[in-house]
Amino acid sequence: MNKKIILASTSLQRKNLLAKTGLVFETTASNYEEDMTLPLEPKELAMHLSKGKAQAVAEAYRGALIIAADTFIVHEDKILGKPHTPQRAKEMLKTLSGDTHSIITGFTVLDTESDKSISRAVEAKVYFKKLSEEEMDNYIATGEPLDKAGAYAIQGLGSEFVEKIEGDYSNVVGLPVKEVIKILRDFGVVLQ
């Protein structure tokens, strides 16, 4: 008994990661308004936001399993979301340059029939090389970092800045696939 599976994300990276599992699913945008200022620990916040995203699309999909995720970067106990402006991107890249940070992805699987949901958070450590002003400026000029948490995309040009990763690469990209699959199995999803 495989229910319809909905990925509550328009992220191409998340879609590609999940597609590699062989799962059949649809994608939809979640119009959930993220509040990064809630007084929660980073892992709790990531799970809270992912659950909010899942619940925001649940009404439209009765009898389905919703998968939602939220990814952000934590550096010295500060959460770094998407910079949106070149100035903010530069500040974030300067902060991360030559240092280590964590990437936390919270995800939720929600069964819209039973209203049962399971949320988890996965953390990976990323080691950044020391960046020159020119490297940062050239990267920002590409536009890639403006809508990426922490102002870089590991699956894109930002990979040049990464010296080492400790943890699950798919988590760093935005969806810890192995963990998601485990939870889906708990909900009775059968993978080929």
N, C-alpha and C. Protein backbone atom coordinates (compact mmCIF):
# COMPACT_ATOMS: atom_id res chain seq x y z
N MET A 1 0.85 -1.18 0.00
CA MET A 1 0.00 0.00 0.00
C MET A 1 0.89 1.24 0.00
N ASN A 2 1.18 1.69 -1.17
CA ASN A 2 1.97 2.91 -1.27
C ASN A 2 1.05 4.10 -1.50
N LYS A 3 1.10 5.05 -0.60
CA LYS A 3 0.32 6.27 -0.73
C LYS A 3 1.03 7.21 -1.68
N LYS A 4 0.28 8.20 -2.14
CA LYS A 4 0.89 9.26 -2.94
C LYS A 4 1.90 9.99 -2.06
N ILE A 5 3.06 10.28 -2.61
CA ILE A 5 4.10 10.98 -1.85
C ILE A 5 4.28 12.37 -2.45
N ILE A 6 4.28 13.36 -1.58
CA ILE A 6 4.41 14.76 -2.00
C ILE A 6 5.65 15.35 -1.34
N LEU A 7 6.54 15.88 -2.15
CA LEU A 7 7.69 16.63 -1.64
C LEU A 7 7.28 18.10 -1.58
N ALA A 8 7.17 18.63 -0.37
CA ALA A 8 6.73 20.02 -0.19
C ALA A 8 7.91 20.96 -0.35
N SER A 9 8.43 20.99 -1.57
CA SER A 9 9.60 21.82 -1.86
C SER A 9 9.71 22.01 -3.37
N THR A 10 10.14 23.18 -3.78
CA THR A 10 10.41 23.40 -5.20
C THR A 10 11.91 23.39 -5.46
N SER A 11 12.68 23.00 -4.45
CA SER A 11 14.14 22.94 -4.59
C SER A 11 14.51 21.83 -5.58
N LEU A 12 15.20 22.21 -6.63
CA LEU A 12 15.65 21.24 -7.63
C LEU A 12 16.59 20.22 -7.00
N GLN A 13 17.43 20.68 -6.06
CA GLN A 13 18.38 19.79 -5.40
C GLN A 13 17.65 18.71 -4.60
N ARG A 14 16.65 19.11 -3.82
CA ARG A 14 15.89 18.13 -3.05
C ARG A 14 15.16 17.15 -3.97
N LYS A 15 14.58 17.69 -5.03
CA LYS A 15 13.86 16.85 -5.99
C LYS A 15 14.81 15.81 -6.61
N ASN A 16 15.99 16.26 -7.02
CA ASN A 16 16.96 15.34 -7.64
C ASN A 16 17.44 14.28 -6.66
N LEU A 17 17.69 14.68 -5.41
CA LEU A 17 18.14 13.71 -4.40
C LEU A 17 17.09 12.64 -4.17
N LEU A 18 15.83 13.06 -4.03
CA LEU A 18 14.77 12.10 -3.77
C LEU A 18 14.51 11.22 -4.99
N ALA A 19 14.62 11.79 -6.17
CA ALA A 19 14.39 11.02 -7.40
C ALA A 19 15.39 9.87 -7.55
N LYS A 20 16.59 10.05 -7.05
CA LYS A 20 17.63 9.01 -7.15
C LYS A 20 17.26 7.76 -6.37
N THR A 21 16.31 7.85 -5.45
CA THR A 21 15.90 6.70 -4.65
C THR A 21 14.96 5.78 -5.42
N GLY A 22 14.42 6.29 -6.53
CA GLY A 22 13.44 5.51 -7.28
C GLY A 22 12.01 5.75 -6.81
N LEU A 23 11.82 6.57 -5.79
CA LEU A 23 10.48 6.89 -5.32
C LEU A 23 9.71 7.65 -6.39
N VAL A 24 8.43 7.37 -6.47
CA VAL A 24 7.55 8.15 -7.34
C VAL A 24 6.89 9.19 -6.45
N PHE A 25 7.04 10.46 -6.81
CA PHE A 25 6.49 11.52 -5.97
C PHE A 25 6.17 12.74 -6.82
N GLU A 26 5.39 13.63 -6.25
CA GLU A 26 5.09 14.91 -6.87
C GLU A 26 5.72 16.01 -6.01
N THR A 27 5.93 17.16 -6.61
CA THR A 27 6.43 18.29 -5.82
C THR A 27 5.41 19.41 -5.82
N THR A 28 5.40 20.15 -4.74
CA THR A 28 4.56 21.32 -4.65
C THR A 28 5.25 22.33 -3.73
N ALA A 29 4.98 23.59 -3.95
CA ALA A 29 5.57 24.62 -3.09
C ALA A 29 4.80 24.70 -1.78
N SER A 30 5.52 24.92 -0.70
CA SER A 30 4.87 25.19 0.58
C SER A 30 4.96 26.69 0.80
N ASN A 31 3.81 27.30 1.03
CA ASN A 31 3.82 28.76 1.24
C ASN A 31 3.95 29.11 2.72
N TYR A 32 4.51 28.17 3.48
CA TYR A 32 4.72 28.37 4.92
C TYR A 32 5.72 29.51 5.13
N GLU A 33 5.37 30.41 6.02
CA GLU A 33 6.23 31.56 6.33
C GLU A 33 7.23 31.16 7.42
N GLU A 34 8.50 31.03 7.04
CA GLU A 34 9.53 30.62 8.00
C GLU A 34 9.85 31.76 8.97
N ASP A 35 9.93 31.43 10.23
CA ASP A 35 10.35 32.40 11.24
C ASP A 35 11.65 31.90 11.87
N MET A 36 12.76 32.46 11.40
CA MET A 36 14.08 32.02 11.87
C MET A 36 14.42 32.60 13.24
N THR A 37 13.54 33.43 13.79
CA THR A 37 13.84 34.10 15.06
C THR A 37 13.22 33.40 16.26
N LEU A 38 12.54 32.27 16.04
CA LEU A 38 11.93 31.55 17.17
C LEU A 38 13.01 31.13 18.16
N PRO A 39 12.72 31.21 19.46
CA PRO A 39 13.74 30.89 20.47
C PRO A 39 13.90 29.37 20.67
N LEU A 40 14.36 28.68 19.63
CA LEU A 40 14.56 27.24 19.67
C LEU A 40 16.01 26.91 19.35
N GLU A 41 16.49 25.78 19.87
CA GLU A 41 17.82 25.29 19.48
C GLU A 41 17.79 25.00 17.98
N PRO A 42 18.95 25.11 17.28
CA PRO A 42 18.95 24.94 15.83
C PRO A 42 18.26 23.67 15.32
N LYS A 43 18.53 22.52 15.93
CA LYS A 43 17.89 21.28 15.44
C LYS A 43 16.38 21.32 15.66
N GLU A 44 15.97 21.86 16.82
CA GLU A 44 14.53 22.00 17.10
C GLU A 44 13.87 22.94 16.09
N LEU A 45 14.56 24.04 15.79
CA LEU A 45 14.02 25.01 14.83
C LEU A 45 13.88 24.38 13.45
N ALA A 46 14.89 23.63 13.02
CA ALA A 46 14.85 22.99 11.70
C ALA A 46 13.67 22.03 11.60
N MET A 47 13.44 21.25 12.67
CA MET A 47 12.31 20.32 12.67
C MET A 47 10.98 21.08 12.71
N HIS A 48 10.92 22.13 13.51
CA HIS A 48 9.70 22.94 13.62
C HIS A 48 9.33 23.53 12.26
N LEU A 49 10.31 24.10 11.57
CA LEU A 49 10.05 24.71 10.27
C LEU A 49 9.64 23.67 9.23
N SER A 50 10.29 22.50 9.27
CA SER A 50 9.93 21.46 8.29
C SER A 50 8.50 20.97 8.55
N LYS A 51 8.13 20.86 9.81
CA LYS A 51 6.76 20.42 10.14
C LYS A 51 5.75 21.46 9.67
N GLY A 52 6.08 22.73 9.87
CA GLY A 52 5.20 23.81 9.40
C GLY A 52 5.00 23.75 7.89
N LYS A 53 6.08 23.48 7.17
CA LYS A 53 5.99 23.36 5.71
C LYS A 53 5.11 22.18 5.31
N ALA A 54 5.27 21.05 6.01
CA ALA A 54 4.47 19.86 5.70
C ALA A 54 2.99 20.12 5.98
N GLN A 55 2.70 20.73 7.12
CA GLN A 55 1.31 21.01 7.48
C GLN A 55 0.66 22.00 6.53
N ALA A 56 1.46 22.92 5.99
CA ALA A 56 0.92 23.94 5.09
C ALA A 56 0.39 23.34 3.78
N VAL A 57 0.93 22.20 3.36
CA VAL A 57 0.44 21.59 2.12
C VAL A 57 -0.47 20.39 2.38
N ALA A 58 -0.55 19.93 3.63
CA ALA A 58 -1.31 18.72 3.96
C ALA A 58 -2.79 18.82 3.57
N GLU A 59 -3.38 19.99 3.76
CA GLU A 59 -4.81 20.17 3.47
C GLU A 59 -5.16 19.81 2.02
N ALA A 60 -4.25 20.11 1.12
CA ALA A 60 -4.51 19.90 -0.31
C ALA A 60 -4.32 18.45 -0.75
N TYR A 61 -3.74 17.62 0.12
CA TYR A 61 -3.42 16.24 -0.27
C TYR A 61 -3.89 15.26 0.79
N ARG A 62 -5.15 14.88 0.72
CA ARG A 62 -5.69 13.90 1.65
C ARG A 62 -5.20 12.50 1.26
N GLY A 63 -4.85 11.68 2.24
CA GLY A 63 -4.42 10.32 1.97
C GLY A 63 -3.04 10.24 1.35
N ALA A 64 -2.19 11.21 1.67
CA ALA A 64 -0.84 11.24 1.10
C ALA A 64 0.21 11.33 2.21
N LEU A 65 1.45 11.07 1.83
CA LEU A 65 2.58 11.31 2.71
C LEU A 65 3.29 12.56 2.23
N ILE A 66 3.48 13.50 3.11
CA ILE A 66 4.15 14.75 2.77
C ILE A 66 5.56 14.70 3.34
N ILE A 67 6.54 15.07 2.52
CA ILE A 67 7.92 15.21 2.97
C ILE A 67 8.27 16.68 2.86
N ALA A 68 8.74 17.26 3.95
CA ALA A 68 9.17 18.66 3.91
C ALA A 68 10.50 18.78 4.65
N ALA A 69 11.30 19.75 4.25
CA ALA A 69 12.62 19.91 4.87
C ALA A 69 12.98 21.39 4.97
N ASP A 70 13.86 21.67 5.91
CA ASP A 70 14.41 23.02 6.03
C ASP A 70 15.89 22.88 6.39
N THR A 71 16.73 23.59 5.66
CA THR A 71 18.18 23.51 5.84
C THR A 71 18.74 24.89 6.13
N PHE A 72 19.62 24.94 7.10
CA PHE A 72 20.36 26.19 7.33
C PHE A 72 21.73 25.88 7.92
N ILE A 73 22.50 26.92 8.02
CA ILE A 73 23.87 26.80 8.49
C ILE A 73 23.96 27.40 9.89
N VAL A 74 24.75 26.75 10.73
CA VAL A 74 24.99 27.28 12.07
C VAL A 74 26.50 27.48 12.23
N HIS A 75 26.87 28.71 12.56
CA HIS A 75 28.27 29.06 12.79
C HIS A 75 28.36 29.81 14.11
N GLU A 76 29.11 29.25 15.04
CA GLU A 76 29.26 29.85 16.37
C GLU A 76 27.90 30.20 16.98
N ASP A 77 26.99 29.23 16.96
CA ASP A 77 25.64 29.35 17.53
C ASP A 77 24.75 30.37 16.84
N LYS A 78 25.16 30.88 15.70
CA LYS A 78 24.31 31.79 14.93
C LYS A 78 23.79 31.06 13.70
N ILE A 79 22.50 31.22 13.44
CA ILE A 79 21.88 30.59 12.27
C ILE A 79 22.05 31.52 11.08
N LEU A 80 22.55 30.95 9.98
CA LEU A 80 22.69 31.71 8.74
C LEU A 80 21.69 31.17 7.72
N GLY A 81 20.74 31.98 7.38
CA GLY A 81 19.76 31.60 6.36
C GLY A 81 20.23 32.07 4.99
N LYS A 82 19.29 32.46 4.14
CA LYS A 82 19.62 32.94 2.79
C LYS A 82 19.95 34.43 2.86
N PRO A 83 21.02 34.85 2.21
CA PRO A 83 21.43 36.26 2.33
C PRO A 83 20.55 37.24 1.54
N HIS A 84 20.07 36.85 0.38
CA HIS A 84 19.21 37.67 -0.49
C HIS A 84 19.89 38.90 -1.11
N THR A 85 20.92 39.46 -0.45
CA THR A 85 21.61 40.63 -1.03
C THR A 85 23.11 40.34 -1.15
N PRO A 86 23.77 40.95 -2.12
CA PRO A 86 25.22 40.75 -2.26
C PRO A 86 25.99 41.15 -1.00
N GLN A 87 25.57 42.22 -0.33
CA GLN A 87 26.26 42.68 0.88
C GLN A 87 26.18 41.62 1.98
N ARG A 88 24.99 41.08 2.17
CA ARG A 88 24.80 40.06 3.20
C ARG A 88 25.55 38.78 2.84
N ALA A 89 25.57 38.44 1.55
CA ALA A 89 26.31 37.24 1.09
C ALA A 89 27.79 37.39 1.43
N LYS A 90 28.32 38.58 1.21
CA LYS A 90 29.74 38.83 1.49
C LYS A 90 30.02 38.68 2.99
N GLU A 91 29.14 39.24 3.82
CA GLU A 91 29.30 39.11 5.28
C GLU A 91 29.33 37.63 5.68
N MET A 92 28.40 36.85 5.12
CA MET A 92 28.33 35.43 5.47
C MET A 92 29.58 34.68 5.01
N LEU A 93 30.02 34.94 3.80
CA LEU A 93 31.21 34.25 3.28
C LEU A 93 32.45 34.61 4.11
N LYS A 94 32.55 35.87 4.52
CA LYS A 94 33.68 36.29 5.38
C LYS A 94 33.64 35.54 6.71
N THR A 95 32.44 35.38 7.25
CA THR A 95 32.25 34.67 8.52
C THR A 95 32.68 33.21 8.40
N LEU A 96 32.34 32.56 7.28
CA LEU A 96 32.62 31.14 7.11
C LEU A 96 34.06 30.87 6.66
N SER A 97 34.71 31.86 6.07
CA SER A 97 36.04 31.71 5.50
C SER A 97 37.06 31.17 6.52
N GLY A 98 37.74 30.08 6.14
CA GLY A 98 38.78 29.50 6.98
C GLY A 98 38.29 28.88 8.27
N ASP A 99 37.02 28.55 8.35
CA ASP A 99 36.45 28.05 9.60
C ASP A 99 35.54 26.84 9.33
N THR A 100 35.01 26.29 10.40
CA THR A 100 34.10 25.15 10.32
C THR A 100 32.70 25.60 10.67
N HIS A 101 31.70 25.04 10.00
CA HIS A 101 30.31 25.32 10.36
C HIS A 101 29.49 24.04 10.25
N SER A 102 28.30 24.08 10.81
CA SER A 102 27.39 22.94 10.73
C SER A 102 26.28 23.23 9.74
N ILE A 103 25.85 22.21 9.05
CA ILE A 103 24.66 22.32 8.20
C ILE A 103 23.63 21.40 8.83
N ILE A 104 22.49 21.98 9.16
CA ILE A 104 21.42 21.23 9.80
C ILE A 104 20.23 21.20 8.87
N THR A 105 19.73 20.01 8.62
CA THR A 105 18.49 19.85 7.87
C THR A 105 17.48 19.16 8.78
N GLY A 106 16.37 19.83 8.96
CA GLY A 106 15.25 19.23 9.65
C GLY A 106 14.29 18.74 8.59
N PHE A 107 13.73 17.56 8.80
CA PHE A 107 12.72 17.09 7.84
C PHE A 107 11.56 16.45 8.59
N THR A 108 10.42 16.47 7.94
CA THR A 108 9.20 15.89 8.51
C THR A 108 8.53 15.04 7.45
N VAL A 109 8.06 13.87 7.87
CA VAL A 109 7.18 13.05 7.04
C VAL A 109 5.83 13.05 7.75
N LEU A 110 4.79 13.47 7.03
CA LEU A 110 3.45 13.63 7.61
C LEU A 110 2.45 12.81 6.80
N ASP A 111 1.72 11.95 7.50
CA ASP A 111 0.65 11.16 6.87
C ASP A 111 -0.64 11.97 7.03
N THR A 112 -1.18 12.45 5.91
CA THR A 112 -2.36 13.32 5.99
C THR A 112 -3.63 12.55 6.37
N GLU A 113 -3.59 11.23 6.26
CA GLU A 113 -4.76 10.43 6.61
C GLU A 113 -4.87 10.27 8.13
N SER A 114 -3.76 9.87 8.76
CA SER A 114 -3.76 9.62 10.21
C SER A 114 -3.30 10.84 11.01
N ASP A 115 -2.72 11.81 10.31
CA ASP A 115 -2.15 13.01 10.93
C ASP A 115 -0.90 12.69 11.75
N LYS A 116 -0.38 11.48 11.59
CA LYS A 116 0.86 11.10 12.28
C LYS A 116 2.03 11.77 11.54
N SER A 117 2.98 12.29 12.31
CA SER A 117 4.16 12.86 11.67
C SER A 117 5.41 12.50 12.47
N ILE A 118 6.51 12.39 11.77
CA ILE A 118 7.81 12.15 12.40
C ILE A 118 8.77 13.21 11.87
N SER A 119 9.45 13.87 12.78
CA SER A 119 10.44 14.88 12.40
C SER A 119 11.81 14.48 12.94
N ARG A 120 12.83 14.74 12.17
CA ARG A 120 14.21 14.47 12.56
C ARG A 120 15.07 15.64 12.10
N ALA A 121 16.24 15.76 12.72
CA ALA A 121 17.23 16.75 12.27
C ALA A 121 18.56 16.04 12.12
N VAL A 122 19.26 16.36 11.05
CA VAL A 122 20.55 15.75 10.75
C VAL A 122 21.58 16.87 10.62
N GLU A 123 22.77 16.62 11.17
CA GLU A 123 23.82 17.65 11.16
C GLU A 123 25.05 17.12 10.45
N ALA A 124 25.69 17.98 9.68
CA ALA A 124 26.98 17.67 9.05
C ALA A 124 27.91 18.84 9.31
N LYS A 125 29.21 18.56 9.40
CA LYS A 125 30.21 19.62 9.57
C LYS A 125 30.90 19.88 8.24
N VAL A 126 31.10 21.16 7.95
CA VAL A 126 31.77 21.56 6.71
C VAL A 126 32.96 22.45 7.06
N TYR A 127 34.11 22.11 6.47
CA TYR A 127 35.35 22.87 6.67
C TYR A 127 35.57 23.73 5.44
N PHE A 128 35.66 25.04 5.65
CA PHE A 128 35.83 26.01 4.56
C PHE A 128 37.29 26.43 4.46
N LYS A 129 37.78 26.60 3.25
CA LYS A 129 39.12 27.15 3.07
C LYS A 129 39.07 28.66 3.30
N LYS A 130 40.24 29.27 3.45
CA LYS A 130 40.34 30.72 3.61
C LYS A 130 40.05 31.33 2.24
N LEU A 131 39.11 32.27 2.18
CA LEU A 131 38.71 32.88 0.91
C LEU A 131 39.32 34.27 0.74
N SER A 132 39.74 34.55 -0.48
CA SER A 132 40.24 35.90 -0.78
C SER A 132 39.05 36.81 -1.12
N GLU A 133 39.28 38.11 -1.04
CA GLU A 133 38.24 39.08 -1.41
C GLU A 133 37.78 38.81 -2.84
N GLU A 134 38.75 38.54 -3.72
CA GLU A 134 38.44 38.32 -5.13
C GLU A 134 37.56 37.08 -5.32
N GLU A 135 37.89 36.00 -4.61
CA GLU A 135 37.08 34.78 -4.71
C GLU A 135 35.64 35.04 -4.27
N MET A 136 35.49 35.78 -3.17
CA MET A 136 34.14 36.08 -2.68
C MET A 136 33.38 36.96 -3.66
N ASP A 137 34.02 38.02 -4.14
CA ASP A 137 33.38 38.94 -5.07
C ASP A 137 32.99 38.25 -6.38
N ASN A 138 33.89 37.42 -6.90
CA ASN A 138 33.59 36.70 -8.15
C ASN A 138 32.43 35.74 -7.96
N TYR A 139 32.41 35.07 -6.83
CA TYR A 139 31.33 34.11 -6.56
C TYR A 139 29.99 34.84 -6.41
N ILE A 140 29.99 35.93 -5.66
CA ILE A 140 28.76 36.69 -5.46
C ILE A 140 28.24 37.23 -6.79
N ALA A 141 29.14 37.61 -7.68
CA ALA A 141 28.76 38.13 -8.99
C ALA A 141 28.00 37.10 -9.84
N THR A 142 28.17 35.81 -9.53
CA THR A 142 27.44 34.77 -10.28
C THR A 142 25.96 34.74 -9.89
N GLY A 143 25.64 35.29 -8.72
CA GLY A 143 24.26 35.27 -8.24
C GLY A 143 23.90 34.01 -7.48
N GLU A 144 24.73 32.97 -7.58
CA GLU A 144 24.40 31.69 -6.96
C GLU A 144 24.16 31.77 -5.45
N PRO A 145 24.98 32.53 -4.69
CA PRO A 145 24.82 32.48 -3.23
C PRO A 145 23.61 33.22 -2.67
N LEU A 146 22.94 34.04 -3.45
CA LEU A 146 21.92 34.92 -2.90
C LEU A 146 20.72 34.19 -2.30
N ASP A 147 20.36 33.03 -2.87
CA ASP A 147 19.21 32.30 -2.34
C ASP A 147 19.60 30.96 -1.73
N LYS A 148 20.84 30.88 -1.24
CA LYS A 148 21.34 29.66 -0.61
C LYS A 148 21.68 29.94 0.85
N ALA A 149 21.28 29.02 1.71
CA ALA A 149 21.59 29.15 3.13
C ALA A 149 23.10 29.26 3.31
N GLY A 150 23.54 30.26 4.07
CA GLY A 150 24.96 30.45 4.32
C GLY A 150 25.71 31.04 3.14
N ALA A 151 25.01 31.42 2.09
CA ALA A 151 25.57 32.10 0.92
C ALA A 151 26.47 31.23 0.05
N TYR A 152 26.20 29.91 0.04
CA TYR A 152 26.92 29.08 -0.93
C TYR A 152 26.14 27.82 -1.23
N ALA A 153 26.39 27.27 -2.41
CA ALA A 153 25.76 26.02 -2.83
C ALA A 153 26.84 24.97 -3.01
N ILE A 154 26.81 23.94 -2.18
CA ILE A 154 27.86 22.91 -2.24
C ILE A 154 27.79 22.13 -3.54
N GLN A 155 26.59 22.03 -4.14
CA GLN A 155 26.45 21.28 -5.38
C GLN A 155 26.73 22.19 -6.59
N GLY A 156 27.10 23.43 -6.33
CA GLY A 156 27.38 24.38 -7.41
C GLY A 156 28.81 24.88 -7.32
N LEU A 157 28.99 26.14 -7.69
CA LEU A 157 30.31 26.75 -7.69
C LEU A 157 30.90 26.86 -6.28
N GLY A 158 30.02 26.91 -5.28
CA GLY A 158 30.46 27.01 -3.89
C GLY A 158 31.27 25.82 -3.42
N SER A 159 31.21 24.72 -4.16
CA SER A 159 31.97 23.52 -3.78
C SER A 159 33.47 23.80 -3.75
N GLU A 160 33.91 24.80 -4.49
CA GLU A 160 35.33 25.19 -4.53
C GLU A 160 35.85 25.62 -3.17
N PHE A 161 34.95 26.07 -2.29
CA PHE A 161 35.36 26.61 -0.99
C PHE A 161 35.46 25.54 0.10
N VAL A 162 34.94 24.36 -0.19
CA VAL A 162 34.83 23.30 0.82
C VAL A 162 36.07 22.42 0.80
N GLU A 163 36.74 22.33 1.96
CA GLU A 163 37.90 21.46 2.08
C GLU A 163 37.50 20.05 2.46
N LYS A 164 36.50 19.94 3.35
CA LYS A 164 36.12 18.63 3.86
C LYS A 164 34.71 18.67 4.42
N ILE A 165 34.03 17.51 4.35
CA ILE A 165 32.70 17.36 4.95
C ILE A 165 32.75 16.17 5.90
N GLU A 166 32.20 16.35 7.09
CA GLU A 166 31.98 15.23 8.01
C GLU A 166 30.48 15.04 8.12
N GLY A 167 29.99 13.93 7.57
CA GLY A 167 28.56 13.68 7.60
C GLY A 167 28.02 13.35 6.23
N ASP A 168 26.72 13.36 6.12
CA ASP A 168 26.00 12.97 4.91
C ASP A 168 25.99 14.11 3.89
N TYR A 169 26.57 13.84 2.71
CA TYR A 169 26.61 14.86 1.65
C TYR A 169 25.19 15.29 1.25
N SER A 170 24.26 14.33 1.16
CA SER A 170 22.90 14.70 0.73
C SER A 170 22.25 15.65 1.74
N ASN A 171 22.62 15.53 3.02
CA ASN A 171 22.14 16.47 4.03
C ASN A 171 22.66 17.88 3.75
N VAL A 172 23.92 17.96 3.36
CA VAL A 172 24.52 19.26 3.06
C VAL A 172 23.81 19.92 1.87
N VAL A 173 23.39 19.10 0.91
CA VAL A 173 22.67 19.61 -0.27
C VAL A 173 21.24 20.03 0.09
N GLY A 174 20.66 19.38 1.12
CA GLY A 174 19.34 19.82 1.55
C GLY A 174 18.32 18.75 1.90
N LEU A 175 18.70 17.45 1.80
CA LEU A 175 17.77 16.40 2.18
C LEU A 175 18.55 15.14 2.54
N PRO A 176 18.58 14.76 3.82
CA PRO A 176 19.31 13.56 4.23
C PRO A 176 18.55 12.30 3.80
N VAL A 177 18.80 11.88 2.57
CA VAL A 177 18.00 10.86 1.91
C VAL A 177 17.91 9.55 2.69
N LYS A 178 19.04 9.06 3.21
CA LYS A 178 19.02 7.78 3.95
C LYS A 178 18.06 7.85 5.14
N GLU A 179 18.10 8.95 5.85
CA GLU A 179 17.22 9.12 7.02
C GLU A 179 15.76 9.24 6.59
N VAL A 180 15.51 9.96 5.51
CA VAL A 180 14.14 10.12 5.00
C VAL A 180 13.58 8.76 4.61
N ILE A 181 14.38 7.95 3.92
CA ILE A 181 13.94 6.62 3.49
C ILE A 181 13.59 5.74 4.69
N LYS A 182 14.42 5.80 5.74
CA LYS A 182 14.13 5.03 6.96
C LYS A 182 12.74 5.38 7.52
N ILE A 183 12.47 6.67 7.58
CA ILE A 183 11.18 7.13 8.12
C ILE A 183 10.04 6.72 7.19
N LEU A 184 10.24 6.85 5.89
CA LEU A 184 9.20 6.44 4.94
C LEU A 184 8.85 4.96 5.12
N ARG A 185 9.88 4.14 5.37
CA ARG A 185 9.63 2.71 5.61
C ARG A 185 8.77 2.52 6.86
N ASP A 186 8.99 3.35 7.89
CA ASP A 186 8.15 3.30 9.10
C ASP A 186 6.68 3.58 8.78
N PHE A 187 6.45 4.33 7.70
CA PHE A 187 5.10 4.65 7.27
C PHE A 187 4.57 3.63 6.27
N GLY A 188 5.35 2.57 6.03
CA GLY A 188 4.88 1.50 5.15
C GLY A 188 5.21 1.65 3.69
N VAL A 189 6.07 2.61 3.36
CA VAL A 189 6.45 2.80 1.95
C VAL A 189 7.43 1.69 1.56
N VAL A 190 7.14 1.04 0.45
CA VAL A 190 7.99 -0.02 -0.05
C VAL A 190 8.81 0.51 -1.22
N LEU A 191 10.12 0.36 -1.09
CA LEU A 191 11.00 0.79 -2.19
C LEU A 191 11.46 -0.43 -2.96
N GLN A 192 11.58 -0.26 -4.28
CA GLN A 192 12.02 -1.37 -5.13
C GLN A 192 13.48 -1.68 -4.88
